[in-house]
C-alpha cells in the first residue's frame, strides 16, 4: 500500500498581506514560471538587481523570478479550493 505523498512547503512573506504564507512546490513552480515568462516578455524587474548580479545570473529570467519570489514581491496570488469566498 502506498503512503500518502507529503508536499514540501516554502514559506514566503507576502508583500500584500505582510504575513508568512506556505506555498507547495507546485504553487511555487507555477508562480516562478509565470513570472519568468513575464520577465522574458519585457516586464520590469520588481527587485533591485545590479549589473554584476545580472551577469552572475546570466540574465536568466527564472533566476530573477526566484529572487523576486524569495523577497516576496511576485504579483501573483494563489487561490486554493477551500479559500474561495461566495
PDB file of N, CA and C in Angstrom:
ATOM      1  N   UNK A   1       0.838  -1.174   0.000  1.00  0.00           N
ATOM      2  CA  UNK A   1       0.000   0.000   0.000  1.00  0.00           C
ATOM      3  C   UNK A   1       0.884   1.239   0.000  1.00  0.00           C
ATOM      4  N   UNK A   2       0.557   2.210  -0.848  1.00  0.00           N
ATOM      5  CA  UNK A   2       1.349   3.431  -0.953  1.00  0.00           C
ATOM      6  C   UNK A   2       1.068   4.374   0.201  1.00  0.00           C
ATOM      7  N   UNK A   3       2.131   5.051   0.643  1.00  0.00           N
ATOM      8  CA  UNK A   3       1.960   6.089   1.654  1.00  0.00           C
ATOM      9  C   UNK A   3       1.473   7.352   0.960  1.00  0.00           C
ATOM     10  N   UNK A   4       0.666   8.163   1.648  1.00  0.00           N
ATOM     11  CA  UNK A   4       0.253   9.428   1.020  1.00  0.00           C
ATOM     12  C   UNK A   4       1.460  10.339   0.829  1.00  0.00           C
ATOM     13  N   UNK A   5       1.466  11.031  -0.286  1.00  0.00           N
ATOM     14  CA  UNK A   5       2.582  11.904  -0.599  1.00  0.00           C
ATOM     15  C   UNK A   5       2.473  13.202   0.193  1.00  0.00           C
ATOM     16  N   UNK A   6       3.573  13.590   0.813  1.00  0.00           N
ATOM     17  CA  UNK A   6       3.611  14.830   1.574  1.00  0.00           C
ATOM     18  C   UNK A   6       4.316  15.868   0.721  1.00  0.00           C
ATOM     19  N   UNK A   7       3.685  17.005   0.532  1.00  0.00           N
ATOM     20  CA  UNK A   7       4.257  18.056  -0.297  1.00  0.00           C
ATOM     21  C   UNK A   7       5.145  18.959   0.534  1.00  0.00           C
ATOM     22  N   UNK A   8       6.262  19.346  -0.046  1.00  0.00           N
ATOM     23  CA  UNK A   8       7.156  20.280   0.626  1.00  0.00           C
ATOM     24  C   UNK A   8       6.545  21.666   0.544  1.00  0.00           C
ATOM     25  N   UNK A   9       6.700  22.435   1.609  1.00  0.00           N
ATOM     26  CA  UNK A   9       6.170  23.787   1.640  1.00  0.00           C
ATOM     27  C   UNK A   9       7.317  24.785   1.702  1.00  0.00           C
ATOM     28  N   UNK A  10       7.132  25.919   1.070  1.00  0.00           N
ATOM     29  CA  UNK A  10       8.080  27.006   1.105  1.00  0.00           C
ATOM     30  C   UNK A  10       7.376  28.209   1.702  1.00  0.00           C
ATOM     31  N   UNK A  11       7.931  28.766   2.778  1.00  0.00           N
ATOM     32  CA  UNK A  11       7.330  29.939   3.400  1.00  0.00           C
ATOM     33  C   UNK A  11       7.921  31.202   2.805  1.00  0.00           C
ATOM     34  N   UNK A  12       7.056  32.140   2.462  1.00  0.00           N
ATOM     35  CA  UNK A  12       7.481  33.418   1.908  1.00  0.00           C
ATOM     36  C   UNK A  12       6.627  34.501   2.526  1.00  0.00           C
ATOM     37  N   UNK A  13       7.239  35.641   2.844  1.00  0.00           N
ATOM     38  CA  UNK A  13       6.474  36.755   3.374  1.00  0.00           C
ATOM     39  C   UNK A  13       5.807  37.472   2.206  1.00  0.00           C
ATOM     40  N   UNK A  14       4.491  37.570   2.260  1.00  0.00           N
ATOM     41  CA  UNK A  14       3.728  38.199   1.198  1.00  0.00           C
ATOM     42  C   UNK A  14       3.820  39.710   1.317  1.00  0.00           C
ATOM     43  N   UNK A  15       4.052  40.387   0.192  1.00  0.00           N
ATOM     44  CA  UNK A  15       4.144  41.844   0.221  1.00  0.00           C
ATOM     45  C   UNK A  15       2.769  42.487   0.354  1.00  0.00           C
ATOM     46  N   UNK A  16       1.722  41.782  -0.054  1.00  0.00           N
ATOM     47  CA  UNK A  16       0.376  42.333   0.009  1.00  0.00           C
ATOM     48  C   UNK A  16      -0.185  42.239   1.418  1.00  0.00           C
ATOM     49  N   UNK A  17      -0.127  41.049   1.995  1.00  0.00           N
ATOM     50  CA  UNK A  17      -0.723  40.833   3.304  1.00  0.00           C
ATOM     51  C   UNK A  17       0.275  41.018   4.436  1.00  0.00           C
ATOM     52  N   UNK A  18       1.575  40.985   4.157  1.00  0.00           N
ATOM     53  CA  UNK A  18       2.582  41.164   5.172  1.00  0.00           C
ATOM     54  C   UNK A  18       2.717  40.002   6.133  1.00  0.00           C
ATOM     55  N   UNK A  19       2.240  38.824   5.762  1.00  0.00           N
ATOM     56  CA  UNK A  19       2.332  37.661   6.630  1.00  0.00           C
ATOM     57  C   UNK A  19       3.003  36.517   5.884  1.00  0.00           C
ATOM     58  N   UNK A  20       3.464  35.530   6.640  1.00  0.00           N
ATOM     59  CA  UNK A  20       4.112  34.370   6.040  1.00  0.00           C
ATOM     60  C   UNK A  20       3.055  33.438   5.454  1.00  0.00           C
ATOM     61  N   UNK A  21       3.279  33.016   4.224  1.00  0.00           N
ATOM     62  CA  UNK A  21       2.367  32.103   3.541  1.00  0.00           C
ATOM     63  C   UNK A  21       3.171  30.881   3.129  1.00  0.00           C
ATOM     64  N   UNK A  22       2.621  29.700   3.362  1.00  0.00           N
ATOM     65  CA  UNK A  22       3.267  28.458   2.925  1.00  0.00           C
ATOM     66  C   UNK A  22       2.746  28.094   1.548  1.00  0.00           C
ATOM     67  N   UNK A  23       3.678  27.939   0.601  1.00  0.00           N
ATOM     68  CA  UNK A  23       3.326  27.510  -0.745  1.00  0.00           C
ATOM     69  C   UNK A  23       3.873  26.117  -0.966  1.00  0.00           C
ATOM     70  N   UNK A  24       3.133  25.272  -1.681  1.00  0.00           N
ATOM     71  CA  UNK A  24       3.651  23.959  -2.046  1.00  0.00           C
ATOM     72  C   UNK A  24       4.661  24.142  -3.169  1.00  0.00           C
ATOM     73  N   UNK A  25       5.424  23.090  -3.437  1.00  0.00           N
ATOM     74  CA  UNK A  25       6.410  23.184  -4.513  1.00  0.00           C
ATOM     75  C   UNK A  25       5.726  23.395  -5.860  1.00  0.00           C
ATOM     76  N   UNK A  26       4.492  22.928  -5.989  1.00  0.00           N
ATOM     77  CA  UNK A  26       3.763  23.094  -7.240  1.00  0.00           C
ATOM     78  C   UNK A  26       3.313  24.539  -7.418  1.00  0.00           C
ATOM     79  N   UNK A  27       2.847  25.158  -6.334  1.00  0.00           N
ATOM     80  CA  UNK A  27       2.444  26.566  -6.383  1.00  0.00           C
ATOM     81  C   UNK A  27       3.654  27.449  -6.667  1.00  0.00           C
ATOM     82  N   UNK A  28       4.774  27.135  -6.026  1.00  0.00           N
ATOM     83  CA  UNK A  28       5.994  27.910  -6.248  1.00  0.00           C
ATOM     84  C   UNK A  28       6.436  27.801  -7.706  1.00  0.00           C
ATOM     85  N   UNK A  29       6.414  26.589  -8.252  1.00  0.00           N
ATOM     86  CA  UNK A  29       6.823  26.386  -9.642  1.00  0.00           C
ATOM     87  C   UNK A  29       5.922  27.164 -10.590  1.00  0.00           C
ATOM     88  N   UNK A  30       4.628  27.156 -10.329  1.00  0.00           N
ATOM     89  CA  UNK A  30       3.687  27.867 -11.194  1.00  0.00           C
ATOM     90  C   UNK A  30       3.918  29.375 -11.124  1.00  0.00           C
ATOM     91  N   UNK A  31       4.125  29.893  -9.912  1.00  0.00           N
ATOM     92  CA  UNK A  31       4.331  31.332  -9.742  1.00  0.00           C
ATOM     93  C   UNK A  31       5.649  31.782 -10.369  1.00  0.00           C
ATOM     94  N   UNK A  32       6.719  31.044 -10.110  1.00  0.00           N
ATOM     95  CA  UNK A  32       8.031  31.414 -10.654  1.00  0.00           C
ATOM     96  C   UNK A  32       8.029  31.286 -12.173  1.00  0.00           C
ATOM     97  N   UNK A  33       7.429  30.228 -12.699  1.00  0.00           N
ATOM     98  CA  UNK A  33       7.371  30.049 -14.148  1.00  0.00           C
ATOM     99  C   UNK A  33       6.571  31.137 -14.840  1.00  0.00           C
ATOM    100  N   UNK A  34       5.441  31.508 -14.253  1.00  0.00           N
ATOM    101  CA  UNK A  34       4.616  32.569 -14.835  1.00  0.00           C
ATOM    102  C   UNK A  34       5.349  33.906 -14.805  1.00  0.00           C
ATOM    103  N   UNK A  35       6.018  34.190 -13.686  1.00  0.00           N
ATOM    104  CA  UNK A  35       6.750  35.455 -13.574  1.00  0.00           C
ATOM    105  C   UNK A  35       7.948  35.466 -14.519  1.00  0.00           C
ATOM    106  N   UNK A  36       8.623  34.322 -14.683  1.00  0.00           N
ATOM    107  CA  UNK A  36       9.756  34.246 -15.611  1.00  0.00           C
ATOM    108  C   UNK A  36       9.292  34.515 -17.040  1.00  0.00           C
ATOM    109  N   UNK A  37       8.116  34.020 -17.397  1.00  0.00           N
ATOM    110  CA  UNK A  37       7.569  34.293 -18.729  1.00  0.00           C
ATOM    111  C   UNK A  37       7.315  35.788 -18.898  1.00  0.00           C
ATOM    112  N   UNK A  38       6.750  36.423 -17.867  1.00  0.00           N
ATOM    113  CA  UNK A  38       6.521  37.869 -17.932  1.00  0.00           C
ATOM    114  C   UNK A  38       7.836  38.610 -18.116  1.00  0.00           C
ATOM    115  N   UNK A  39       8.868  38.210 -17.363  1.00  0.00           N
ATOM    116  CA  UNK A  39      10.174  38.872 -17.471  1.00  0.00           C
ATOM    117  C   UNK A  39      10.777  38.678 -18.855  1.00  0.00           C
ATOM    118  N   UNK A  40      10.629  37.491 -19.412  1.00  0.00           N
ATOM    119  CA  UNK A  40      11.188  37.231 -20.738  1.00  0.00           C
ATOM    120  C   UNK A  40      10.458  38.010 -21.827  1.00  0.00           C
ATOM    121  N   UNK A  41       9.223  38.430 -21.530  1.00  0.00           N
ATOM    122  CA  UNK A  41       8.458  39.236 -22.486  1.00  0.00           C
ATOM    123  C   UNK A  41       8.674  40.737 -22.281  1.00  0.00           C
ATOM    124  N   UNK A  42       9.559  41.105 -21.335  1.00  0.00           N
ATOM    125  CA  UNK A  42       9.913  42.510 -21.177  1.00  0.00           C
ATOM    126  C   UNK A  42       9.347  43.198 -19.954  1.00  0.00           C
ATOM    127  N   UNK A  43       8.765  42.468 -19.022  1.00  0.00           N
ATOM    128  CA  UNK A  43       8.228  43.088 -17.801  1.00  0.00           C
ATOM    129  C   UNK A  43       9.387  43.637 -16.969  1.00  0.00           C
ATOM    130  N   UNK A  44       9.153  44.741 -16.251  1.00  0.00           N
ATOM    131  CA  UNK A  44      10.228  45.311 -15.430  1.00  0.00           C
ATOM    132  C   UNK A  44      10.514  44.446 -14.203  1.00  0.00           C
ATOM    133  N   UNK A  45      11.755  44.501 -13.716  1.00  0.00           N
ATOM    134  CA  UNK A  45      12.132  43.778 -12.504  1.00  0.00           C
ATOM    135  C   UNK A  45      11.455  44.433 -11.314  1.00  0.00           C
ATOM    136  N   UNK A  46      11.086  43.651 -10.326  1.00  0.00           N
ATOM    137  CA  UNK A  46      10.471  44.163  -9.108  1.00  0.00           C
ATOM    138  C   UNK A  46      11.456  44.204  -7.950  1.00  0.00           C
ATOM    139  N   UNK A  47      12.694  43.812  -8.208  1.00  0.00           N
ATOM    140  CA  UNK A  47      13.763  43.888  -7.214  1.00  0.00           C
ATOM    141  C   UNK A  47      14.935  44.626  -7.839  1.00  0.00           C
ATOM    142  N   UNK A  48      15.742  45.228  -6.989  1.00  0.00           N
ATOM    143  CA  UNK A  48      16.954  45.884  -7.480  1.00  0.00           C
ATOM    144  C   UNK A  48      17.987  44.812  -7.788  1.00  0.00           C
ATOM    145  N   UNK A  49      18.464  44.806  -9.017  1.00  0.00           N
ATOM    146  CA  UNK A  49      19.472  43.843  -9.444  1.00  0.00           C
ATOM    147  C   UNK A  49      20.598  44.630 -10.102  1.00  0.00           C
ATOM    148  N   UNK A  50      21.791  44.497  -9.546  1.00  0.00           N
ATOM    149  CA  UNK A  50      22.943  45.215 -10.104  1.00  0.00           C
ATOM    150  C   UNK A  50      23.400  44.526 -11.393  1.00  0.00           C
ATOM    151  N   UNK A  51      24.130  45.245 -12.225  1.00  0.00           N
ATOM    152  CA  UNK A  51      24.651  44.620 -13.452  1.00  0.00           C
ATOM    153  C   UNK A  51      25.532  43.404 -13.159  1.00  0.00           C
ATOM    154  N   UNK A  52      26.270  43.442 -12.029  1.00  0.00           N
ATOM    155  CA  UNK A  52      27.113  42.300 -11.669  1.00  0.00           C
ATOM    156  C   UNK A  52      26.251  41.079 -11.325  1.00  0.00           C
ATOM    157  N   UNK A  53      25.144  41.323 -10.609  1.00  0.00           N
ATOM    158  CA  UNK A  53      24.244  40.219 -10.276  1.00  0.00           C
ATOM    159  C   UNK A  53      23.611  39.632 -11.541  1.00  0.00           C
ATOM    160  N   UNK A  54      23.250  40.508 -12.480  1.00  0.00           N
ATOM    161  CA  UNK A  54      22.671  40.024 -13.742  1.00  0.00           C
ATOM    162  C   UNK A  54      23.665  39.153 -14.504  1.00  0.00           C
ATOM    163  N   UNK A  55      24.932  39.572 -14.491  1.00  0.00           N
ATOM    164  CA  UNK A  55      25.972  38.767 -15.143  1.00  0.00           C
ATOM    165  C   UNK A  55      26.092  37.416 -14.462  1.00  0.00           C
ATOM    166  N   UNK A  56      26.063  37.426 -13.112  1.00  0.00           N
ATOM    167  CA  UNK A  56      26.189  36.185 -12.349  1.00  0.00           C
ATOM    168  C   UNK A  56      25.007  35.254 -12.629  1.00  0.00           C
ATOM    169  N   UNK A  57      23.806  35.846 -12.785  1.00  0.00           N
ATOM    170  CA  UNK A  57      22.607  35.064 -13.091  1.00  0.00           C
ATOM    171  C   UNK A  57      22.509  34.719 -14.572  1.00  0.00           C
ATOM    172  N   UNK A  58      23.418  35.231 -15.373  1.00  0.00           N
ATOM    173  CA  UNK A  58      23.437  35.034 -16.829  1.00  0.00           C
ATOM    174  C   UNK A  58      22.149  35.535 -17.488  1.00  0.00           C
ATOM    175  N   UNK A  59      21.565  36.588 -16.915  1.00  0.00           N
ATOM    176  CA  UNK A  59      20.351  37.204 -17.459  1.00  0.00           C
ATOM    177  C   UNK A  59      19.203  36.199 -17.578  1.00  0.00           C
ATOM    178  N   UNK A  60      19.195  35.194 -16.712  1.00  0.00           N
ATOM    179  CA  UNK A  60      18.194  34.130 -16.746  1.00  0.00           C
ATOM    180  C   UNK A  60      16.909  34.604 -16.061  1.00  0.00           C
ATOM    181  N   UNK A  61      15.776  34.671 -16.778  1.00  0.00           N
ATOM    182  CA  UNK A  61      14.529  35.133 -16.163  1.00  0.00           C
ATOM    183  C   UNK A  61      14.055  34.252 -15.010  1.00  0.00           C
ATOM    184  N   UNK A  62      14.386  32.975 -15.038  1.00  0.00           N
ATOM    185  CA  UNK A  62      13.981  32.094 -13.939  1.00  0.00           C
ATOM    186  C   UNK A  62      14.739  32.464 -12.667  1.00  0.00           C
ATOM    187  N   UNK A  63      16.030  32.750 -12.792  1.00  0.00           N
ATOM    188  CA  UNK A  63      16.822  33.160 -11.625  1.00  0.00           C
ATOM    189  C   UNK A  63      16.301  34.480 -11.052  1.00  0.00           C
ATOM    190  N   UNK A  64      15.942  35.402 -11.924  1.00  0.00           N
ATOM    191  CA  UNK A  64      15.402  36.691 -11.473  1.00  0.00           C
ATOM    192  C   UNK A  64      14.056  36.479 -10.791  1.00  0.00           C
ATOM    193  N   UNK A  65      13.212  35.613 -11.371  1.00  0.00           N
ATOM    194  CA  UNK A  65      11.910  35.321 -10.772  1.00  0.00           C
ATOM    195  C   UNK A  65      12.070  34.631  -9.416  1.00  0.00           C
ATOM    196  N   UNK A  66      13.057  33.753  -9.278  1.00  0.00           N
ATOM    197  CA  UNK A  66      13.316  33.114  -7.982  1.00  0.00           C
ATOM    198  C   UNK A  66      13.747  34.141  -6.942  1.00  0.00           C
ATOM    199  N   UNK A  67      14.538  35.111  -7.357  1.00  0.00           N
ATOM    200  CA  UNK A  67      14.954  36.181  -6.437  1.00  0.00           C
ATOM    201  C   UNK A  67      13.735  36.993  -6.007  1.00  0.00           C
ATOM    202  N   UNK A  68      12.856  37.315  -6.955  1.00  0.00           N
ATOM    203  CA  UNK A  68      11.629  38.036  -6.616  1.00  0.00           C
ATOM    204  C   UNK A  68      10.749  37.207  -5.689  1.00  0.00           C
ATOM    205  N   UNK A  69      10.665  35.904  -5.933  1.00  0.00           N
ATOM    206  CA  UNK A  69       9.861  35.033  -5.076  1.00  0.00           C
ATOM    207  C   UNK A  69      10.409  35.011  -3.652  1.00  0.00           C
ATOM    208  N   UNK A  70      11.730  34.888  -3.530  1.00  0.00           N
ATOM    209  CA  UNK A  70      12.320  34.807  -2.196  1.00  0.00           C
ATOM    210  C   UNK A  70      12.146  36.112  -1.421  1.00  0.00           C
ATOM    211  N   UNK A  71      12.025  37.230  -2.132  1.00  0.00           N
ATOM    212  CA  UNK A  71      11.791  38.512  -1.469  1.00  0.00           C
ATOM    213  C   UNK A  71      10.304  38.813  -1.301  1.00  0.00           C
ATOM    214  N   UNK A  72       9.446  37.964  -1.852  1.00  0.00           N
ATOM    215  CA  UNK A  72       8.003  38.094  -1.657  1.00  0.00           C
ATOM    216  C   UNK A  72       7.345  39.213  -2.431  1.00  0.00           C
ATOM    217  N   UNK A  73       7.880  39.539  -3.612  1.00  0.00           N
ATOM    218  CA  UNK A  73       7.314  40.653  -4.384  1.00  0.00           C
ATOM    219  C   UNK A  73       6.661  40.215  -5.695  1.00  0.00           C
ATOM    220  N   UNK A  74       6.530  38.919  -5.924  1.00  0.00           N
ATOM    221  CA  UNK A  74       5.880  38.461  -7.158  1.00  0.00           C
ATOM    222  C   UNK A  74       4.392  38.827  -7.093  1.00  0.00           C
ATOM    223  N   UNK A  75       3.882  39.530  -8.114  1.00  0.00           N
ATOM    224  CA  UNK A  75       2.481  39.985  -8.091  1.00  0.00           C
ATOM    225  C   UNK A  75       1.493  38.918  -8.561  1.00  0.00           C
ATOM    226  N   UNK A  76       1.638  37.707  -8.054  1.00  0.00           N
ATOM    227  CA  UNK A  76       0.772  36.595  -8.444  1.00  0.00           C
ATOM    228  C   UNK A  76       0.222  35.985  -7.164  1.00  0.00           C
ATOM    229  N   UNK A  77      -1.077  35.732  -7.148  1.00  0.00           N
ATOM    230  CA  UNK A  77      -1.691  35.137  -5.966  1.00  0.00           C
ATOM    231  C   UNK A  77      -2.111  33.703  -6.250  1.00  0.00           C
ATOM    232  N   UNK A  78      -2.302  32.942  -5.193  1.00  0.00           N
ATOM    233  CA  UNK A  78      -2.730  31.546  -5.299  1.00  0.00           C
ATOM    234  C   UNK A  78      -4.105  31.428  -4.667  1.00  0.00           C
ATOM    235  N   UNK A  79      -5.031  30.875  -5.423  1.00  0.00           N
ATOM    236  CA  UNK A  79      -6.374  30.614  -4.881  1.00  0.00           C
ATOM    237  C   UNK A  79      -6.497  29.127  -4.667  1.00  0.00           C
ATOM    238  N   UNK A  80      -6.760  28.757  -3.426  1.00  0.00           N
ATOM    239  CA  UNK A  80      -6.910  27.346  -3.079  1.00  0.00           C
ATOM    240  C   UNK A  80      -8.395  27.021  -2.955  1.00  0.00           C
ATOM    241  N   UNK A  81      -8.785  25.789  -3.241  1.00  0.00           N
ATOM    242  CA  UNK A  81     -10.211  25.441  -3.256  1.00  0.00           C
ATOM    243  C   UNK A  81     -10.973  25.785  -1.987  1.00  0.00           C
ATOM    244  N   UNK A  82     -10.404  25.612  -0.822  1.00  0.00           N
ATOM    245  CA  UNK A  82     -11.120  25.873   0.410  1.00  0.00           C
ATOM    246  C   UNK A  82     -11.184  27.341   0.807  1.00  0.00           C
ATOM    247  N   UNK A  83     -10.502  28.216   0.065  1.00  0.00           N
ATOM    248  CA  UNK A  83     -10.397  29.617   0.442  1.00  0.00           C
ATOM    249  C   UNK A  83     -11.271  30.540  -0.402  1.00  0.00           C
ATOM    250  N   UNK A  84     -12.096  30.010  -1.277  1.00  0.00           N
ATOM    251  CA  UNK A  84     -12.917  30.845  -2.145  1.00  0.00           C
ATOM    252  C   UNK A  84     -14.064  31.442  -1.350  1.00  0.00           C
ATOM    253  N   UNK A  85     -14.298  32.718  -1.588  1.00  0.00           N
ATOM    254  CA  UNK A  85     -15.428  33.390  -0.931  1.00  0.00           C
ATOM    255  C   UNK A  85     -16.614  33.364  -1.874  1.00  0.00           C
ATOM    256  N   UNK A  86     -17.795  33.185  -1.306  1.00  0.00           N
ATOM    257  CA  UNK A  86     -19.003  33.146  -2.130  1.00  0.00           C
ATOM    258  C   UNK A  86     -19.804  34.403  -1.934  1.00  0.00           C
TER     259      UNK A  86
END
